[in-house]
Amino acid sequence: MKTQINCLFLVLCTIFFSCNAPPLYETRTEKFLRSKNVEEDLIKRVNGRQVISTKEAERLATFSNIPILHLLANNPSTPENILRDLANHSNFEVHTGLVSNPATPIEVVLNFRT
């Protein structure tokens, strides 16, 4: 029974949080990252949930900008150690990125159920 409840929770989270990034995230991330002199190619890849390197993910994780952290948490190529760090973030939008990322470890997702 407990396993069925956990599975149901995961399905509901996936359905509820599987939408694209919140409105204006692409515009906000572009503006912010340009102000930090981040390369255009990386900006496009982050906004498009495309592959980013570990070094690029580490760089993005240093920013306190919520739209960027949401997109980083949502990116399947973000390294697991960064995903685990983002799970400790206090912002709900960062957590929604984690829950909708298929690469997020299941125990991280399950920790959000309480």
N, C-alpha and C. Protein backbone atom coordinates (compact mmCIF):
# COMPACT_ATOMS: atom_id res chain seq x y z
N MET A 1 0.83 -1.20 0.00
CA MET A 1 0.00 0.00 0.00
C MET A 1 0.87 1.26 0.00
N LYS A 2 1.91 1.26 0.84
CA LYS A 2 2.79 2.43 0.92
C LYS A 2 3.48 2.66 -0.42
N THR A 3 3.89 1.59 -1.09
CA THR A 3 4.53 1.71 -2.40
C THR A 3 3.56 2.30 -3.42
N GLN A 4 2.29 1.88 -3.35
CA GLN A 4 1.29 2.40 -4.28
C GLN A 4 1.06 3.89 -4.05
N ILE A 5 1.06 4.31 -2.80
CA ILE A 5 0.88 5.73 -2.47
C ILE A 5 2.07 6.52 -2.99
N ASN A 6 3.28 6.00 -2.80
CA ASN A 6 4.48 6.69 -3.30
C ASN A 6 4.44 6.81 -4.81
N CYS A 7 4.03 5.76 -5.49
CA CYS A 7 3.94 5.79 -6.95
C CYS A 7 2.89 6.80 -7.40
N LEU A 8 1.76 6.83 -6.73
CA LEU A 8 0.71 7.78 -7.05
C LEU A 8 1.22 9.20 -6.86
N PHE A 9 1.94 9.42 -5.77
CA PHE A 9 2.51 10.74 -5.51
C PHE A 9 3.43 11.16 -6.65
N LEU A 10 4.30 10.26 -7.09
CA LEU A 10 5.22 10.57 -8.17
C LEU A 10 4.49 10.88 -9.47
N VAL A 11 3.45 10.12 -9.76
CA VAL A 11 2.67 10.37 -10.97
C VAL A 11 2.01 11.74 -10.90
N LEU A 12 1.41 12.06 -9.77
CA LEU A 12 0.76 13.37 -9.61
C LEU A 12 1.76 14.51 -9.71
N CYS A 13 2.93 14.34 -9.10
CA CYS A 13 3.97 15.38 -9.20
C CYS A 13 4.41 15.56 -10.64
N THR A 14 4.58 14.46 -11.34
CA THR A 14 5.01 14.54 -12.73
C THR A 14 3.97 15.26 -13.57
N ILE A 15 2.70 14.92 -13.36
CA ILE A 15 1.63 15.58 -14.12
C ILE A 15 1.55 17.05 -13.75
N PHE A 16 1.56 17.33 -12.46
CA PHE A 16 1.40 18.71 -11.99
C PHE A 16 2.58 19.59 -12.37
N PHE A 17 3.79 19.07 -12.27
CA PHE A 17 4.99 19.88 -12.48
C PHE A 17 5.62 19.69 -13.85
N SER A 18 5.01 18.93 -14.73
CA SER A 18 5.66 18.64 -16.00
C SER A 18 5.48 19.73 -17.04
N CYS A 19 4.81 20.78 -16.69
CA CYS A 19 4.65 21.87 -17.64
C CYS A 19 6.01 22.55 -17.87
N ASN A 20 6.05 23.38 -18.87
CA ASN A 20 7.29 24.11 -19.14
C ASN A 20 7.61 25.03 -17.99
N ALA A 21 8.75 25.68 -18.09
CA ALA A 21 9.16 26.62 -17.06
C ALA A 21 8.10 27.71 -16.91
N PRO A 22 7.98 28.25 -15.72
CA PRO A 22 7.00 29.32 -15.51
C PRO A 22 7.17 30.45 -16.53
N PRO A 23 6.12 31.19 -16.78
CA PRO A 23 6.16 32.27 -17.77
C PRO A 23 7.31 33.23 -17.51
N LEU A 24 7.89 33.70 -18.57
CA LEU A 24 8.96 34.70 -18.58
C LEU A 24 10.32 34.18 -18.11
N TYR A 25 10.43 32.89 -17.75
CA TYR A 25 11.73 32.40 -17.30
C TYR A 25 12.78 32.53 -18.39
N GLU A 26 12.42 32.24 -19.62
CA GLU A 26 13.39 32.34 -20.71
C GLU A 26 13.91 33.76 -20.84
N THR A 27 13.01 34.73 -20.83
CA THR A 27 13.40 36.13 -20.94
C THR A 27 14.24 36.56 -19.74
N ARG A 28 13.82 36.19 -18.55
CA ARG A 28 14.55 36.57 -17.34
C ARG A 28 15.93 35.94 -17.29
N THR A 29 16.05 34.68 -17.70
CA THR A 29 17.36 34.04 -17.67
C THR A 29 18.28 34.66 -18.71
N GLU A 30 17.75 34.94 -19.88
CA GLU A 30 18.59 35.57 -20.92
C GLU A 30 19.14 36.91 -20.43
N LYS A 31 18.27 37.71 -19.89
CA LYS A 31 18.69 39.05 -19.42
C LYS A 31 19.73 38.93 -18.31
N PHE A 32 19.46 38.08 -17.33
CA PHE A 32 20.38 37.93 -16.21
C PHE A 32 21.72 37.37 -16.66
N LEU A 33 21.69 36.30 -17.45
CA LEU A 33 22.95 35.66 -17.87
C LEU A 33 23.77 36.56 -18.79
N ARG A 34 23.11 37.32 -19.63
CA ARG A 34 23.84 38.29 -20.45
C ARG A 34 24.53 39.33 -19.57
N SER A 35 23.87 39.75 -18.50
CA SER A 35 24.48 40.74 -17.59
C SER A 35 25.70 40.16 -16.88
N LYS A 36 25.79 38.82 -16.81
CA LYS A 36 26.93 38.14 -16.19
C LYS A 36 27.94 37.66 -17.24
N ASN A 37 27.77 38.12 -18.48
CA ASN A 37 28.67 37.78 -19.59
C ASN A 37 28.75 36.28 -19.87
N VAL A 38 27.62 35.60 -19.73
CA VAL A 38 27.55 34.17 -20.05
C VAL A 38 27.36 34.05 -21.57
N GLU A 39 28.02 33.06 -22.15
CA GLU A 39 27.98 32.85 -23.59
C GLU A 39 26.56 32.59 -24.09
N GLU A 40 26.26 33.12 -25.28
CA GLU A 40 24.94 32.95 -25.88
C GLU A 40 24.57 31.47 -26.06
N ASP A 41 25.56 30.67 -26.44
CA ASP A 41 25.29 29.25 -26.65
C ASP A 41 24.80 28.58 -25.36
N LEU A 42 25.42 28.90 -24.24
CA LEU A 42 25.01 28.33 -22.96
C LEU A 42 23.62 28.83 -22.57
N ILE A 43 23.35 30.08 -22.81
CA ILE A 43 22.02 30.63 -22.51
C ILE A 43 20.95 29.86 -23.28
N LYS A 44 21.19 29.62 -24.57
CA LYS A 44 20.22 28.89 -25.40
C LYS A 44 20.06 27.46 -24.91
N ARG A 45 21.16 26.81 -24.53
CA ARG A 45 21.08 25.42 -24.08
C ARG A 45 20.35 25.31 -22.75
N VAL A 46 20.57 26.25 -21.84
CA VAL A 46 19.88 26.21 -20.55
C VAL A 46 18.38 26.41 -20.76
N ASN A 47 18.02 27.38 -21.57
CA ASN A 47 16.60 27.64 -21.83
C ASN A 47 15.93 26.50 -22.58
N GLY A 48 16.70 25.75 -23.37
CA GLY A 48 16.13 24.68 -24.15
C GLY A 48 16.27 23.30 -23.53
N ARG A 49 16.72 23.24 -22.28
CA ARG A 49 16.93 21.96 -21.57
C ARG A 49 17.85 21.04 -22.36
N GLN A 50 18.85 21.64 -22.99
CA GLN A 50 19.82 20.86 -23.75
C GLN A 50 21.01 20.55 -22.86
N VAL A 51 21.88 19.71 -23.35
CA VAL A 51 23.02 19.25 -22.58
C VAL A 51 23.96 20.39 -22.21
N ILE A 52 24.31 20.42 -20.91
CA ILE A 52 25.31 21.35 -20.41
C ILE A 52 26.38 20.52 -19.71
N SER A 53 27.59 21.05 -19.67
CA SER A 53 28.69 20.32 -19.04
C SER A 53 28.64 20.48 -17.52
N THR A 54 29.40 19.66 -16.84
CA THR A 54 29.48 19.76 -15.38
C THR A 54 30.02 21.13 -14.98
N LYS A 55 31.02 21.60 -15.68
CA LYS A 55 31.60 22.91 -15.38
C LYS A 55 30.57 24.03 -15.56
N GLU A 56 29.78 23.94 -16.64
CA GLU A 56 28.74 24.95 -16.88
C GLU A 56 27.66 24.88 -15.80
N ALA A 57 27.28 23.67 -15.41
CA ALA A 57 26.27 23.51 -14.35
C ALA A 57 26.78 24.08 -13.04
N GLU A 58 28.04 23.83 -12.73
CA GLU A 58 28.62 24.38 -11.50
C GLU A 58 28.62 25.90 -11.52
N ARG A 59 28.92 26.47 -12.67
CA ARG A 59 28.90 27.94 -12.80
C ARG A 59 27.49 28.49 -12.60
N LEU A 60 26.51 27.86 -13.23
CA LEU A 60 25.13 28.33 -13.10
C LEU A 60 24.61 28.17 -11.67
N ALA A 61 25.06 27.14 -10.99
CA ALA A 61 24.61 26.89 -9.62
C ALA A 61 25.09 27.97 -8.65
N THR A 62 26.09 28.74 -9.03
CA THR A 62 26.58 29.81 -8.14
C THR A 62 25.66 31.03 -8.14
N PHE A 63 24.78 31.12 -9.13
CA PHE A 63 23.87 32.26 -9.19
C PHE A 63 22.69 32.05 -8.25
N SER A 64 22.19 33.12 -7.68
CA SER A 64 21.03 33.02 -6.78
C SER A 64 19.72 33.33 -7.51
N ASN A 65 19.77 33.44 -8.81
CA ASN A 65 18.62 33.76 -9.63
C ASN A 65 17.69 32.55 -9.72
N ILE A 66 16.46 32.69 -9.24
CA ILE A 66 15.51 31.57 -9.17
C ILE A 66 15.19 30.99 -10.55
N PRO A 67 14.91 31.79 -11.57
CA PRO A 67 14.65 31.18 -12.88
C PRO A 67 15.82 30.32 -13.38
N ILE A 68 17.03 30.75 -13.15
CA ILE A 68 18.18 29.96 -13.57
C ILE A 68 18.27 28.67 -12.77
N LEU A 69 18.08 28.77 -11.47
CA LEU A 69 18.16 27.56 -10.63
C LEU A 69 17.03 26.58 -10.97
N HIS A 70 15.86 27.11 -11.31
CA HIS A 70 14.75 26.24 -11.74
C HIS A 70 15.15 25.48 -13.01
N LEU A 71 15.67 26.21 -14.00
CA LEU A 71 16.05 25.57 -15.26
C LEU A 71 17.22 24.60 -15.07
N LEU A 72 18.14 24.94 -14.19
CA LEU A 72 19.25 24.04 -13.89
C LEU A 72 18.73 22.77 -13.22
N ALA A 73 17.81 22.92 -12.28
CA ALA A 73 17.22 21.77 -11.59
C ALA A 73 16.41 20.90 -12.55
N ASN A 74 15.87 21.50 -13.58
CA ASN A 74 15.03 20.82 -14.55
C ASN A 74 15.84 20.16 -15.67
N ASN A 75 17.12 20.48 -15.78
CA ASN A 75 17.94 19.99 -16.90
C ASN A 75 18.44 18.57 -16.63
N PRO A 76 18.11 17.63 -17.51
CA PRO A 76 18.52 16.23 -17.30
C PRO A 76 20.03 16.01 -17.27
N SER A 77 20.81 16.95 -17.79
CA SER A 77 22.27 16.77 -17.78
C SER A 77 22.95 17.39 -16.56
N THR A 78 22.18 17.99 -15.67
CA THR A 78 22.76 18.54 -14.45
C THR A 78 23.27 17.40 -13.58
N PRO A 79 24.52 17.49 -13.13
CA PRO A 79 25.08 16.42 -12.30
C PRO A 79 24.28 16.18 -11.02
N GLU A 80 24.27 14.93 -10.58
CA GLU A 80 23.49 14.54 -9.41
C GLU A 80 23.85 15.33 -8.16
N ASN A 81 25.14 15.62 -7.95
CA ASN A 81 25.53 16.36 -6.74
C ASN A 81 24.91 17.76 -6.72
N ILE A 82 24.77 18.37 -7.87
CA ILE A 82 24.15 19.70 -7.94
C ILE A 82 22.65 19.57 -7.71
N LEU A 83 22.03 18.53 -8.27
CA LEU A 83 20.60 18.31 -8.03
C LEU A 83 20.33 18.12 -6.54
N ARG A 84 21.18 17.38 -5.88
CA ARG A 84 21.01 17.16 -4.44
C ARG A 84 21.17 18.47 -3.66
N ASP A 85 22.12 19.30 -4.08
CA ASP A 85 22.29 20.61 -3.43
C ASP A 85 21.05 21.49 -3.64
N LEU A 86 20.52 21.46 -4.86
CA LEU A 86 19.33 22.27 -5.16
C LEU A 86 18.11 21.79 -4.38
N ALA A 87 18.09 20.54 -3.98
CA ALA A 87 16.98 20.02 -3.18
C ALA A 87 16.90 20.70 -1.83
N ASN A 88 18.01 21.27 -1.38
CA ASN A 88 18.03 21.98 -0.10
C ASN A 88 17.67 23.45 -0.23
N HIS A 89 17.42 23.89 -1.45
CA HIS A 89 17.06 25.29 -1.67
C HIS A 89 15.68 25.55 -1.08
N SER A 90 15.45 26.75 -0.62
CA SER A 90 14.17 27.07 0.04
C SER A 90 13.05 27.45 -0.93
N ASN A 91 13.37 27.68 -2.19
CA ASN A 91 12.36 28.17 -3.12
C ASN A 91 11.59 27.03 -3.79
N PHE A 92 10.28 27.16 -3.81
CA PHE A 92 9.38 26.18 -4.40
C PHE A 92 9.64 25.98 -5.89
N GLU A 93 9.94 27.04 -6.62
CA GLU A 93 10.18 26.94 -8.07
C GLU A 93 11.41 26.09 -8.37
N VAL A 94 12.42 26.15 -7.53
CA VAL A 94 13.59 25.30 -7.70
C VAL A 94 13.17 23.85 -7.51
N HIS A 95 12.34 23.61 -6.53
CA HIS A 95 11.86 22.25 -6.26
C HIS A 95 11.01 21.72 -7.41
N THR A 96 10.20 22.57 -8.03
CA THR A 96 9.39 22.10 -9.16
C THR A 96 10.28 21.68 -10.32
N GLY A 97 11.40 22.37 -10.49
CA GLY A 97 12.35 21.96 -11.52
C GLY A 97 12.92 20.59 -11.22
N LEU A 98 13.25 20.35 -9.97
CA LEU A 98 13.80 19.05 -9.58
C LEU A 98 12.81 17.92 -9.79
N VAL A 99 11.58 18.13 -9.38
CA VAL A 99 10.56 17.08 -9.47
C VAL A 99 10.25 16.73 -10.92
N SER A 100 10.36 17.70 -11.81
CA SER A 100 10.05 17.43 -13.22
C SER A 100 11.25 16.92 -14.01
N ASN A 101 12.39 16.80 -13.36
CA ASN A 101 13.60 16.33 -14.03
C ASN A 101 13.71 14.80 -13.88
N PRO A 102 13.71 14.06 -14.98
CA PRO A 102 13.79 12.60 -14.87
C PRO A 102 15.12 12.11 -14.30
N ALA A 103 16.13 12.96 -14.28
CA ALA A 103 17.45 12.56 -13.75
C ALA A 103 17.56 12.77 -12.23
N THR A 104 16.57 13.41 -11.63
CA THR A 104 16.60 13.62 -10.18
C THR A 104 16.44 12.27 -9.48
N PRO A 105 17.34 11.95 -8.56
CA PRO A 105 17.22 10.68 -7.84
C PRO A 105 15.86 10.56 -7.15
N ILE A 106 15.29 9.38 -7.19
CA ILE A 106 13.94 9.15 -6.66
C ILE A 106 13.85 9.50 -5.17
N GLU A 107 14.91 9.25 -4.41
CA GLU A 107 14.83 9.58 -2.98
C GLU A 107 14.76 11.08 -2.75
N VAL A 108 15.33 11.87 -3.66
CA VAL A 108 15.21 13.33 -3.56
C VAL A 108 13.76 13.74 -3.80
N VAL A 109 13.16 13.17 -4.82
CA VAL A 109 11.76 13.48 -5.13
C VAL A 109 10.86 13.05 -3.97
N LEU A 110 11.10 11.87 -3.41
CA LEU A 110 10.27 11.38 -2.32
C LEU A 110 10.38 12.24 -1.07
N ASN A 111 11.49 12.91 -0.88
CA ASN A 111 11.65 13.79 0.28
C ASN A 111 10.70 14.98 0.23
N PHE A 112 10.22 15.31 -0.94
CA PHE A 112 9.28 16.44 -1.07
C PHE A 112 7.85 16.06 -0.74
N ARG A 113 7.58 14.79 -0.51
CA ARG A 113 6.20 14.36 -0.29
C ARG A 113 5.65 14.74 1.07
N THR A 114 6.51 15.10 2.01
CA THR A 114 6.01 15.43 3.34
C THR A 114 5.93 16.92 3.55
